[in-house]
Amino acid sequence: MPTFIPPTDELVRWADPFDTSIEHRLFRYLHPGDRGRNVYQLTNNSFTENQPGDMTTVKLTYHGGHVHTISAAAASALTAAGYGSYIT
């Protein structure tokens, strides 16, 4: 069975890099952490990473930062939507 890991962004800063207080001196040198992006499959079978205002239009949610086991049909739909590089 194929697996899908939604895309991530390196956005999470552990501390303010300009804060010179003793608590933040070490953490300002850490590389930013990864933040997973949710991928929503809508009821019209399209995909989006923006959370819809009306959640009743969401058919399935792939939560960012998690490994999802998917079917071959879901893998082909995600590949067609441009997420093929995130499927193993």
N, C-alpha and C. Protein backbone atom coordinates (compact mmCIF):
# COMPACT_ATOMS: atom_id res chain seq x y z
N MET A 1 0.84 -1.19 0.00
CA MET A 1 0.00 0.00 0.00
C MET A 1 0.89 1.25 0.00
N PRO A 2 0.55 2.21 -0.83
CA PRO A 2 1.33 3.46 -0.82
C PRO A 2 1.06 4.30 0.43
N THR A 3 2.00 5.15 0.74
CA THR A 3 1.85 6.07 1.88
C THR A 3 1.98 7.50 1.38
N PHE A 4 1.31 8.41 2.04
CA PHE A 4 1.31 9.82 1.70
C PHE A 4 1.71 10.62 2.93
N ILE A 5 2.74 11.45 2.77
CA ILE A 5 3.16 12.36 3.83
C ILE A 5 2.95 13.77 3.28
N PRO A 6 1.98 14.51 3.81
CA PRO A 6 1.71 15.86 3.29
C PRO A 6 2.94 16.75 3.38
N PRO A 7 2.99 17.78 2.54
CA PRO A 7 4.16 18.66 2.52
C PRO A 7 4.37 19.41 3.83
N THR A 8 5.60 19.82 4.06
CA THR A 8 5.94 20.58 5.26
C THR A 8 6.68 21.86 4.87
N ASP A 9 6.65 22.82 5.75
CA ASP A 9 7.39 24.06 5.60
C ASP A 9 8.31 24.22 6.80
N GLU A 10 9.48 24.80 6.58
CA GLU A 10 10.39 25.08 7.68
C GLU A 10 10.09 26.49 8.20
N LEU A 11 9.10 26.57 9.07
CA LEU A 11 8.64 27.88 9.52
C LEU A 11 8.72 28.10 11.03
N VAL A 12 8.80 27.05 11.80
CA VAL A 12 8.66 27.19 13.24
C VAL A 12 9.99 27.62 13.86
N ARG A 13 10.04 28.86 14.29
CA ARG A 13 11.23 29.36 14.99
C ARG A 13 11.08 29.03 16.46
N TRP A 14 12.15 28.55 17.07
CA TRP A 14 12.11 28.15 18.48
C TRP A 14 12.18 29.36 19.40
N ALA A 15 12.75 30.44 18.91
CA ALA A 15 12.86 31.66 19.72
C ALA A 15 13.03 32.84 18.78
N ASP A 16 12.83 34.02 19.28
CA ASP A 16 13.04 35.24 18.52
C ASP A 16 14.55 35.40 18.33
N PRO A 17 15.04 35.45 17.09
CA PRO A 17 16.49 35.54 16.88
C PRO A 17 17.11 36.84 17.38
N PHE A 18 16.28 37.84 17.63
CA PHE A 18 16.79 39.13 18.10
C PHE A 18 16.63 39.33 19.60
N ASP A 19 16.10 38.32 20.28
CA ASP A 19 15.93 38.40 21.73
C ASP A 19 17.26 38.02 22.38
N THR A 20 17.82 38.92 23.16
CA THR A 20 19.14 38.67 23.77
C THR A 20 19.04 38.20 25.21
N SER A 21 17.84 37.87 25.67
CA SER A 21 17.71 37.39 27.05
C SER A 21 18.39 36.03 27.19
N ILE A 22 18.75 35.69 28.39
CA ILE A 22 19.48 34.45 28.66
C ILE A 22 18.69 33.22 28.22
N GLU A 23 17.36 33.28 28.31
CA GLU A 23 16.54 32.11 27.95
C GLU A 23 16.59 31.81 26.45
N HIS A 24 16.82 32.82 25.63
CA HIS A 24 16.73 32.62 24.19
C HIS A 24 18.07 32.57 23.47
N ARG A 25 19.16 32.75 24.18
CA ARG A 25 20.47 32.80 23.52
C ARG A 25 20.82 31.49 22.81
N LEU A 26 20.52 30.37 23.41
CA LEU A 26 20.82 29.09 22.77
C LEU A 26 19.82 28.78 21.66
N PHE A 27 18.55 29.00 21.91
CA PHE A 27 17.52 28.60 20.96
C PHE A 27 17.52 29.42 19.69
N ARG A 28 18.08 30.60 19.70
CA ARG A 28 18.07 31.40 18.48
C ARG A 28 18.98 30.83 17.40
N TYR A 29 19.87 29.91 17.76
CA TYR A 29 20.76 29.29 16.78
C TYR A 29 20.19 28.00 16.18
N LEU A 30 19.09 27.53 16.71
CA LEU A 30 18.50 26.30 16.18
C LEU A 30 17.87 26.55 14.82
N HIS A 31 18.00 25.56 13.96
CA HIS A 31 17.36 25.61 12.65
C HIS A 31 15.84 25.59 12.83
N PRO A 32 15.10 26.37 12.06
CA PRO A 32 13.64 26.34 12.21
C PRO A 32 13.08 24.93 12.02
N GLY A 33 12.05 24.59 12.77
CA GLY A 33 11.44 23.27 12.70
C GLY A 33 10.44 23.17 11.56
N ASP A 34 10.03 21.95 11.29
CA ASP A 34 9.07 21.70 10.22
C ASP A 34 7.65 21.88 10.72
N ARG A 35 6.80 22.41 9.87
CA ARG A 35 5.37 22.53 10.15
C ARG A 35 4.63 21.84 9.01
N GLY A 36 3.84 20.84 9.38
CA GLY A 36 3.09 20.11 8.37
C GLY A 36 1.90 20.91 7.88
N ARG A 37 1.58 20.73 6.59
CA ARG A 37 0.41 21.38 6.00
C ARG A 37 -0.68 20.34 5.78
N ASN A 38 -1.89 20.65 6.19
CA ASN A 38 -3.02 19.76 5.95
C ASN A 38 -3.41 19.81 4.48
N VAL A 39 -3.81 18.66 3.95
CA VAL A 39 -4.33 18.57 2.60
C VAL A 39 -5.76 18.09 2.70
N TYR A 40 -6.68 18.88 2.16
CA TYR A 40 -8.11 18.56 2.23
C TYR A 40 -8.59 18.07 0.87
N GLN A 41 -9.27 16.93 0.88
CA GLN A 41 -9.96 16.48 -0.32
C GLN A 41 -11.42 16.91 -0.18
N LEU A 42 -11.90 17.68 -1.12
CA LEU A 42 -13.24 18.21 -1.05
C LEU A 42 -14.24 17.23 -1.67
N THR A 43 -15.51 17.48 -1.45
CA THR A 43 -16.56 16.58 -1.95
C THR A 43 -16.62 16.57 -3.47
N ASN A 44 -16.06 17.58 -4.14
CA ASN A 44 -16.01 17.56 -5.61
C ASN A 44 -14.73 16.90 -6.12
N ASN A 45 -14.01 16.21 -5.23
CA ASN A 45 -12.78 15.45 -5.48
C ASN A 45 -11.59 16.33 -5.87
N SER A 46 -11.63 17.61 -5.58
CA SER A 46 -10.45 18.46 -5.74
C SER A 46 -9.70 18.50 -4.41
N PHE A 47 -8.47 18.99 -4.46
CA PHE A 47 -7.63 19.05 -3.26
C PHE A 47 -7.22 20.49 -3.01
N THR A 48 -7.10 20.85 -1.73
CA THR A 48 -6.64 22.17 -1.34
C THR A 48 -5.90 22.08 -0.01
N GLU A 49 -5.01 23.03 0.21
CA GLU A 49 -4.31 23.13 1.49
C GLU A 49 -4.91 24.23 2.36
N ASN A 50 -5.82 24.99 1.81
CA ASN A 50 -6.50 26.03 2.57
C ASN A 50 -7.74 25.45 3.21
N GLN A 51 -7.90 25.65 4.51
CA GLN A 51 -9.05 25.09 5.20
C GLN A 51 -10.31 25.81 4.73
N PRO A 52 -11.28 25.04 4.22
CA PRO A 52 -12.52 25.66 3.76
C PRO A 52 -13.31 26.27 4.92
N GLY A 53 -14.04 27.32 4.62
CA GLY A 53 -14.89 27.93 5.62
C GLY A 53 -16.04 27.03 6.02
N ASP A 54 -16.50 26.24 5.08
CA ASP A 54 -17.59 25.29 5.32
C ASP A 54 -17.00 23.89 5.33
N MET A 55 -16.82 23.33 6.51
CA MET A 55 -16.17 22.02 6.63
C MET A 55 -17.05 20.88 6.12
N THR A 56 -18.31 21.14 5.80
CA THR A 56 -19.14 20.07 5.23
C THR A 56 -18.74 19.77 3.79
N THR A 57 -17.91 20.63 3.19
CA THR A 57 -17.43 20.38 1.84
C THR A 57 -16.18 19.50 1.83
N VAL A 58 -15.67 19.15 3.02
CA VAL A 58 -14.46 18.33 3.12
C VAL A 58 -14.84 16.85 3.17
N LYS A 59 -14.28 16.11 2.24
CA LYS A 59 -14.51 14.66 2.18
C LYS A 59 -13.49 13.92 3.04
N LEU A 60 -12.24 14.38 3.02
CA LEU A 60 -11.16 13.69 3.71
C LEU A 60 -10.06 14.70 4.03
N THR A 61 -9.43 14.52 5.19
CA THR A 61 -8.33 15.41 5.59
C THR A 61 -7.08 14.57 5.82
N TYR A 62 -6.00 14.96 5.16
CA TYR A 62 -4.69 14.37 5.40
C TYR A 62 -3.94 15.37 6.29
N HIS A 63 -3.70 15.01 7.53
CA HIS A 63 -3.08 15.93 8.49
C HIS A 63 -1.57 16.01 8.25
N GLY A 64 -1.08 17.24 8.23
CA GLY A 64 0.34 17.47 8.02
C GLY A 64 1.18 16.90 9.14
N GLY A 65 2.36 16.40 8.78
CA GLY A 65 3.25 15.84 9.78
C GLY A 65 2.97 14.39 10.13
N HIS A 66 2.02 13.76 9.45
CA HIS A 66 1.65 12.38 9.72
C HIS A 66 1.83 11.54 8.46
N VAL A 67 2.02 10.25 8.64
CA VAL A 67 2.12 9.31 7.53
C VAL A 67 0.75 8.66 7.35
N HIS A 68 0.22 8.74 6.14
CA HIS A 68 -1.11 8.20 5.84
C HIS A 68 -0.98 7.05 4.85
N THR A 69 -1.52 5.90 5.20
CA THR A 69 -1.60 4.78 4.26
C THR A 69 -2.81 5.01 3.38
N ILE A 70 -2.60 5.00 2.06
CA ILE A 70 -3.67 5.32 1.14
C ILE A 70 -3.84 4.20 0.12
N SER A 71 -4.97 4.20 -0.55
CA SER A 71 -5.24 3.21 -1.59
C SER A 71 -4.58 3.65 -2.90
N ALA A 72 -4.56 2.75 -3.86
CA ALA A 72 -3.98 3.07 -5.16
C ALA A 72 -4.80 4.16 -5.85
N ALA A 73 -6.12 4.13 -5.68
CA ALA A 73 -6.97 5.16 -6.29
C ALA A 73 -6.69 6.53 -5.68
N ALA A 74 -6.51 6.58 -4.37
CA ALA A 74 -6.17 7.85 -3.71
C ALA A 74 -4.80 8.33 -4.16
N ALA A 75 -3.87 7.40 -4.34
CA ALA A 75 -2.53 7.77 -4.81
C ALA A 75 -2.58 8.38 -6.20
N SER A 76 -3.38 7.82 -7.08
CA SER A 76 -3.48 8.38 -8.43
C SER A 76 -4.17 9.74 -8.41
N ALA A 77 -5.17 9.92 -7.54
CA ALA A 77 -5.85 11.21 -7.44
C ALA A 77 -4.91 12.27 -6.88
N LEU A 78 -4.12 11.91 -5.87
CA LEU A 78 -3.16 12.86 -5.30
C LEU A 78 -2.05 13.19 -6.29
N THR A 79 -1.62 12.20 -7.06
CA THR A 79 -0.60 12.44 -8.08
C THR A 79 -1.13 13.39 -9.15
N ALA A 80 -2.37 13.19 -9.56
CA ALA A 80 -2.97 14.07 -10.56
C ALA A 80 -3.12 15.50 -10.03
N ALA A 81 -3.27 15.64 -8.72
CA ALA A 81 -3.41 16.96 -8.10
C ALA A 81 -2.07 17.62 -7.82
N GLY A 82 -0.95 16.94 -8.11
CA GLY A 82 0.37 17.53 -7.93
C GLY A 82 1.10 17.11 -6.67
N TYR A 83 0.59 16.10 -5.97
CA TYR A 83 1.23 15.64 -4.73
C TYR A 83 2.00 14.33 -4.92
N GLY A 84 2.33 13.99 -6.14
CA GLY A 84 3.00 12.73 -6.43
C GLY A 84 4.35 12.57 -5.75
N SER A 85 5.07 13.68 -5.55
CA SER A 85 6.40 13.58 -4.94
C SER A 85 6.33 13.28 -3.45
N TYR A 86 5.14 13.36 -2.85
CA TYR A 86 4.96 13.08 -1.42
C TYR A 86 4.42 11.68 -1.17
N ILE A 87 4.31 10.88 -2.22
CA ILE A 87 3.79 9.51 -2.11
C ILE A 87 4.94 8.53 -2.25
N THR A 88 5.00 7.58 -1.33
CA THR A 88 6.05 6.55 -1.42
C THR A 88 5.40 5.19 -1.57
